[in-house]
Structure formats: structure tokens, C-alpha cells
């Protein structure tokens, strides 16, 4: 009888220990899963690097591409700028020289002058400047079959090419900047339930002066 009385408490203690061990294993597994999926909030280190390089560059070409019919290129050289925007297959060209911007209409061989307007010259810097002042979440994601590190910024959608998906409530907008060896290679904007992925190509140096010349036969549309 004594043996039976001793066995029962031992069995109960054994069951309790087993249950505690099982609970511990479950908690550890869930904790590990959360750590794997969770992005880490940090200062925007990579954006800072890219901003400084672009801001200090005298010659640069920055191209974002959604598809062959929707893309944007900004070219900078010694204070001059050229912007070519293609939307749904229609291309618009702008040249910044001195303190003025010129809209170049190739179809009508005409140009229009916007006095005291040089925003295109610093457009990329301004966009990146906003981001470098923001905190970001970091993570990894596969894009086009390759894994990239990214920084994610909330309440931001300024890189959108397709403005039709832009949201008025910025709490539903965020932008992911993807890097390959510290260089920006993709930009994804998440606007509500919609997403836009842009391929990014950045080249430094070797900018031709032809970008900034208005053909001599083009007429002044302001006259």
C-alpha cells in the first residue's frame, strides 16, 4: 500500500514536469517564429549613404521603370537637369538651364519656358532627404528571383509613377527601398491594397551635353 501511495505523487509530479516542458517548447517555438518574421526598426542608414552620394554627384542619371510605357529619367550635370517622363507611352521632356525650366514639345517642335523654376535639379535629393529623416523597418524580400535587403518607410508614396493608386490616407501608404551592395535597385510603393514595383538604375558620370540642348529649329511657345 505504501508503494502505491508513493507512486501516485511521483506520477503526478512527472506529468506536471512534462506539461511544463511542453509549454516551454511551444513558447520558445512561437517566440522564434515571431523573431524570424518581425522587421527591425532602425535609422535609415542605407538611404543616408545614397542621399549623400547623389547630392554630391556632379553628373548622374537616375531612372525608375515600371514597364516600357511607364518610366522616368532624371539627368544631372553641373547644375543643369533633364527630365524625361513616359506615361502610358506618351513622353514629356523638360530641361533645366540657369534658373528656368523648359518644357520641350517634340511633336510641335516648340518649347515653353517656366521662369525661376529649377525643382527638377533637386527632385531626387528632396525625395531621399525626406526618407533619411524618417525611421525605417528593415527586412529581406525576394524580388525577381533574388533576395534583397530593404528599408521600409511608413506614410510615404512620393515615388509612385501610377498616381491612380495613390491613397489620401497616408497611414495606408509605405515605401520599400531595396539594396544590392548599398545601391538602390528597386522601389516598391504599397498604397492600400495596391502595389507598384519600380526597377531603379543609377549611373554616375559620362553625361552628354546633348540632353540640355533645345534644337535651334524649335520655336518659343511663349511668344
Protein backbone atom coordinates (compact mmCIF):
# COMPACT_ATOMS: atom_id res chain seq x y z
CA UNK A 1 0.00 0.00 0.00
CA UNK A 2 2.84 2.34 0.84
CA UNK A 3 4.38 1.74 -2.58
CA UNK A 4 1.13 2.67 -4.31
CA UNK A 5 0.78 5.82 -2.21
CA UNK A 6 4.31 6.88 -3.13
CA UNK A 7 3.86 6.12 -6.82
CA UNK A 8 0.80 8.35 -7.27
CA UNK A 9 2.51 11.63 -6.20
CA UNK A 10 5.54 10.69 -8.31
CA UNK A 11 3.32 10.15 -11.35
CA UNK A 12 1.54 13.48 -10.77
CA UNK A 13 4.88 15.31 -10.41
CA UNK A 14 6.12 13.64 -13.60
CA UNK A 15 3.02 14.74 -15.51
CA UNK A 16 3.39 18.31 -14.23
CA UNK A 17 7.04 18.42 -15.29
CA UNK A 18 6.14 17.05 -18.73
CA UNK A 19 3.38 19.64 -19.20
CA UNK A 20 5.74 22.46 -18.15
CA UNK A 21 8.38 21.23 -20.62
CA UNK A 22 5.82 21.04 -23.46
CA UNK A 23 4.53 24.57 -22.70
CA UNK A 24 8.13 25.83 -22.64
CA UNK A 25 8.85 24.27 -26.03
CA UNK A 26 5.69 25.83 -27.53
CA UNK A 27 6.53 29.30 -26.15
CA UNK A 28 10.09 29.06 -27.49
CA UNK A 29 8.86 27.98 -30.93
CA UNK A 30 6.35 30.84 -31.14
CA UNK A 31 8.98 33.33 -29.95
CA UNK A 32 11.45 32.15 -32.58
CA UNK A 33 8.80 32.41 -35.30
CA UNK A 34 7.95 35.97 -34.31
CA UNK A 35 11.61 36.97 -34.35
CA UNK A 36 12.01 35.49 -37.83
CA UNK A 37 9.02 37.35 -39.30
CA UNK A 38 9.49 40.61 -37.45
CA UNK A 39 11.24 43.52 -39.15
CA UNK A 40 13.64 45.61 -37.14
CA UNK A 41 13.11 49.35 -36.75
CA UNK A 42 16.33 51.32 -37.24
CA UNK A 43 17.69 54.60 -38.51
CA UNK A 44 17.79 54.85 -42.31
CA UNK A 45 21.47 54.09 -42.84
CA UNK A 46 21.37 52.99 -46.49
CA UNK A 47 19.19 55.92 -47.58
CA UNK A 48 21.66 58.28 -45.91
CA UNK A 49 24.53 56.78 -47.94
CA UNK A 50 22.63 57.03 -51.23
CA UNK A 51 21.43 60.55 -50.47
CA UNK A 52 24.96 61.78 -49.81
CA UNK A 53 26.33 60.18 -52.97
CA UNK A 54 23.57 61.63 -55.15
CA UNK A 55 23.70 65.07 -53.50
CA UNK A 56 27.47 65.27 -54.01
CA UNK A 57 27.43 63.98 -57.59
CA UNK A 58 28.00 66.50 -60.39
CA UNK A 59 26.89 64.03 -63.07
CA UNK A 60 24.16 61.44 -62.54
CA UNK A 61 21.40 59.56 -64.34
CA UNK A 62 18.53 58.24 -62.19
CA UNK A 63 15.92 56.06 -63.93
CA UNK A 64 12.83 54.38 -62.47
CA UNK A 65 10.95 51.90 -64.66
CA UNK A 66 7.53 50.37 -64.16
CA UNK A 67 7.33 48.97 -67.70
CA UNK A 68 8.31 50.05 -71.23
CA UNK A 69 5.39 52.51 -71.35
CA UNK A 70 5.84 53.98 -67.87
CA UNK A 71 9.22 55.23 -66.74
CA UNK A 72 11.07 58.31 -65.61
CA UNK A 73 14.65 59.52 -66.06
CA UNK A 74 16.37 62.49 -64.43
CA UNK A 75 19.82 63.52 -65.64
CA UNK A 76 22.03 65.98 -63.74
CA UNK A 77 25.22 67.68 -64.88
CA UNK A 78 26.91 70.74 -63.38
CA UNK A 79 23.70 72.41 -62.23
CA UNK A 80 21.77 71.55 -65.39
CA UNK A 81 18.99 68.95 -65.43
CA UNK A 82 16.97 66.92 -67.90
CA UNK A 83 13.78 65.01 -67.10
CA UNK A 84 12.02 62.56 -69.39
CA UNK A 85 8.73 61.15 -68.19
CA UNK A 86 6.77 58.48 -70.06
CA UNK A 87 3.19 57.77 -69.01
CA UNK A 88 1.13 55.21 -70.92
CA UNK A 89 3.52 55.50 -73.85
CA UNK A 90 3.43 59.32 -74.06
CA UNK A 91 6.75 61.06 -73.35
CA UNK A 92 7.28 64.54 -71.86
CA UNK A 93 10.67 66.28 -71.75
CA UNK A 94 11.96 69.06 -69.51
CA UNK A 95 15.30 70.87 -69.44
CA UNK A 96 16.63 72.99 -66.58
CA UNK A 97 19.22 75.64 -67.52
CA UNK A 98 20.14 78.62 -65.42
CA UNK A 99 17.13 79.48 -63.26
CA UNK A 100 14.49 78.31 -65.72
CA UNK A 101 12.78 75.10 -66.81
CA UNK A 102 11.87 74.45 -70.44
CA UNK A 103 9.12 72.07 -71.49
CA UNK A 104 10.13 70.62 -74.87
CA UNK A 105 7.29 69.61 -77.20
CA UNK A 106 8.91 67.44 -79.88
CA UNK A 107 5.65 66.79 -81.74
CA UNK A 108 5.16 70.50 -82.46
CA UNK A 109 8.87 71.48 -82.39
CA UNK A 110 8.11 74.03 -79.71
CA UNK A 111 9.38 74.82 -76.21
CA UNK A 112 7.81 76.65 -73.28
CA UNK A 113 9.69 78.49 -70.54
CA UNK A 114 8.86 78.34 -66.83
CA UNK A 115 10.79 81.18 -65.23
CA UNK A 116 12.57 80.78 -61.89
CA UNK A 117 11.81 77.08 -61.65
CA UNK A 118 14.60 74.57 -61.01
CA UNK A 119 12.80 71.93 -58.93
CA UNK A 120 13.84 69.08 -61.24
CA UNK A 121 17.50 69.71 -60.38
CA UNK A 122 16.97 68.58 -56.80
CA UNK A 123 13.90 66.34 -57.17
CA UNK A 124 15.68 63.08 -56.30
CA UNK A 125 17.58 64.66 -53.40
CA UNK A 126 14.35 66.06 -51.99
CA UNK A 127 12.63 62.68 -52.06
CA UNK A 128 15.56 60.92 -50.41
CA UNK A 129 16.02 63.78 -47.95
CA UNK A 130 12.53 63.18 -46.58
CA UNK A 131 13.26 59.48 -46.14
CA UNK A 132 16.60 59.93 -44.38
CA UNK A 133 14.85 61.90 -41.67
CA UNK A 134 12.42 59.04 -41.03
CA UNK A 135 12.90 55.84 -39.04
CA UNK A 136 12.54 52.65 -41.03
CA UNK A 137 11.80 48.96 -40.69
CA UNK A 138 14.39 46.65 -42.23
CA UNK A 139 13.95 43.20 -43.67
CA UNK A 140 14.64 40.83 -46.57
CA UNK A 141 12.42 40.00 -49.54
CA UNK A 142 12.79 38.12 -52.81
CA UNK A 143 12.32 40.34 -55.86
CA UNK A 144 12.52 38.90 -59.38
CA UNK A 145 14.04 35.71 -58.01
CA UNK A 146 16.74 37.34 -55.84
CA UNK A 147 16.81 38.21 -52.14
CA UNK A 148 17.40 41.85 -51.24
CA UNK A 149 17.72 43.82 -48.02
CA UNK A 150 15.19 46.64 -47.77
CA UNK A 151 14.30 49.66 -45.69
CA UNK A 152 10.56 50.34 -45.32
CA UNK A 153 9.17 53.81 -44.66
CA UNK A 154 5.62 54.39 -43.48
CA UNK A 155 3.30 57.20 -44.65
CA UNK A 156 5.26 57.74 -47.88
CA UNK A 157 4.33 57.30 -51.56
CA UNK A 158 6.26 60.02 -53.44
CA UNK A 159 7.99 57.63 -55.86
CA UNK A 160 4.73 56.47 -57.44
CA UNK A 161 4.57 56.56 -61.24
CA UNK A 162 0.97 55.36 -61.37
CA UNK A 163 -0.66 58.09 -59.30
CA UNK A 164 -4.06 56.44 -59.77
CA UNK A 165 -3.26 54.06 -56.91
CA UNK A 166 -2.15 56.85 -54.54
CA UNK A 167 -4.05 56.98 -51.24
CA UNK A 168 -5.32 60.11 -49.49
CA UNK A 169 -4.87 58.45 -46.09
CA UNK A 170 -1.07 58.21 -45.75
CA UNK A 171 -1.36 55.74 -42.87
CA UNK A 172 -2.16 53.22 -45.63
CA UNK A 173 0.98 54.07 -47.64
CA UNK A 174 4.54 52.83 -47.28
CA UNK A 175 7.62 52.58 -49.45
CA UNK A 176 10.28 49.88 -49.52
CA UNK A 177 13.75 50.67 -50.86
CA UNK A 178 15.72 47.57 -51.92
CA UNK A 179 19.53 47.47 -51.97
CA UNK A 180 22.23 45.46 -53.67
CA UNK A 181 25.67 46.25 -52.21
CA UNK A 182 24.35 49.53 -50.76
CA UNK A 183 22.95 50.63 -54.13
CA UNK A 184 19.21 51.22 -54.69
CA UNK A 185 17.90 48.65 -57.19
CA UNK A 186 14.12 48.57 -56.63
CA UNK A 187 11.47 50.78 -55.05
CA UNK A 188 8.11 49.33 -54.04
CA UNK A 189 5.20 51.54 -53.04
CA UNK A 190 2.38 49.89 -51.11
CA UNK A 191 -0.77 52.03 -51.28
CA UNK A 192 -3.69 50.38 -49.52
CA UNK A 193 -4.31 47.10 -51.35
CA UNK A 194 -2.27 48.16 -54.40
CA UNK A 195 1.46 47.81 -55.06
CA UNK A 196 3.87 49.31 -57.58
CA UNK A 197 7.38 47.93 -58.11
CA UNK A 198 9.91 50.13 -59.91
CA UNK A 199 13.29 49.00 -61.20
CA UNK A 200 15.95 51.60 -60.39
CA UNK A 201 19.09 52.29 -62.42
CA UNK A 202 21.60 54.86 -61.15
CA UNK A 203 24.65 55.84 -63.19
CA UNK A 204 27.35 58.33 -62.19
CA UNK A 205 29.39 60.35 -64.68
CA UNK A 206 29.54 60.24 -68.51
CA UNK A 207 26.55 62.55 -69.07
CA UNK A 208 26.40 64.03 -72.56
CA UNK A 209 25.67 67.72 -73.07
CA UNK A 210 23.08 66.85 -75.73
CA UNK A 211 20.48 66.32 -73.02
CA UNK A 212 20.42 70.03 -72.25
CA UNK A 213 20.21 71.44 -75.78
CA UNK A 214 16.96 72.67 -77.32
CA UNK A 215 17.09 72.16 -81.11
CA UNK A 216 17.65 75.50 -82.88
CA UNK A 217 14.65 74.98 -85.17
CA UNK A 218 12.22 74.72 -82.22
CA UNK A 219 10.01 77.79 -81.70
CA UNK A 220 9.41 79.65 -78.46
CA UNK A 221 5.86 78.77 -77.48
CA UNK A 222 5.67 81.66 -75.04
CA UNK A 223 5.77 84.21 -77.85
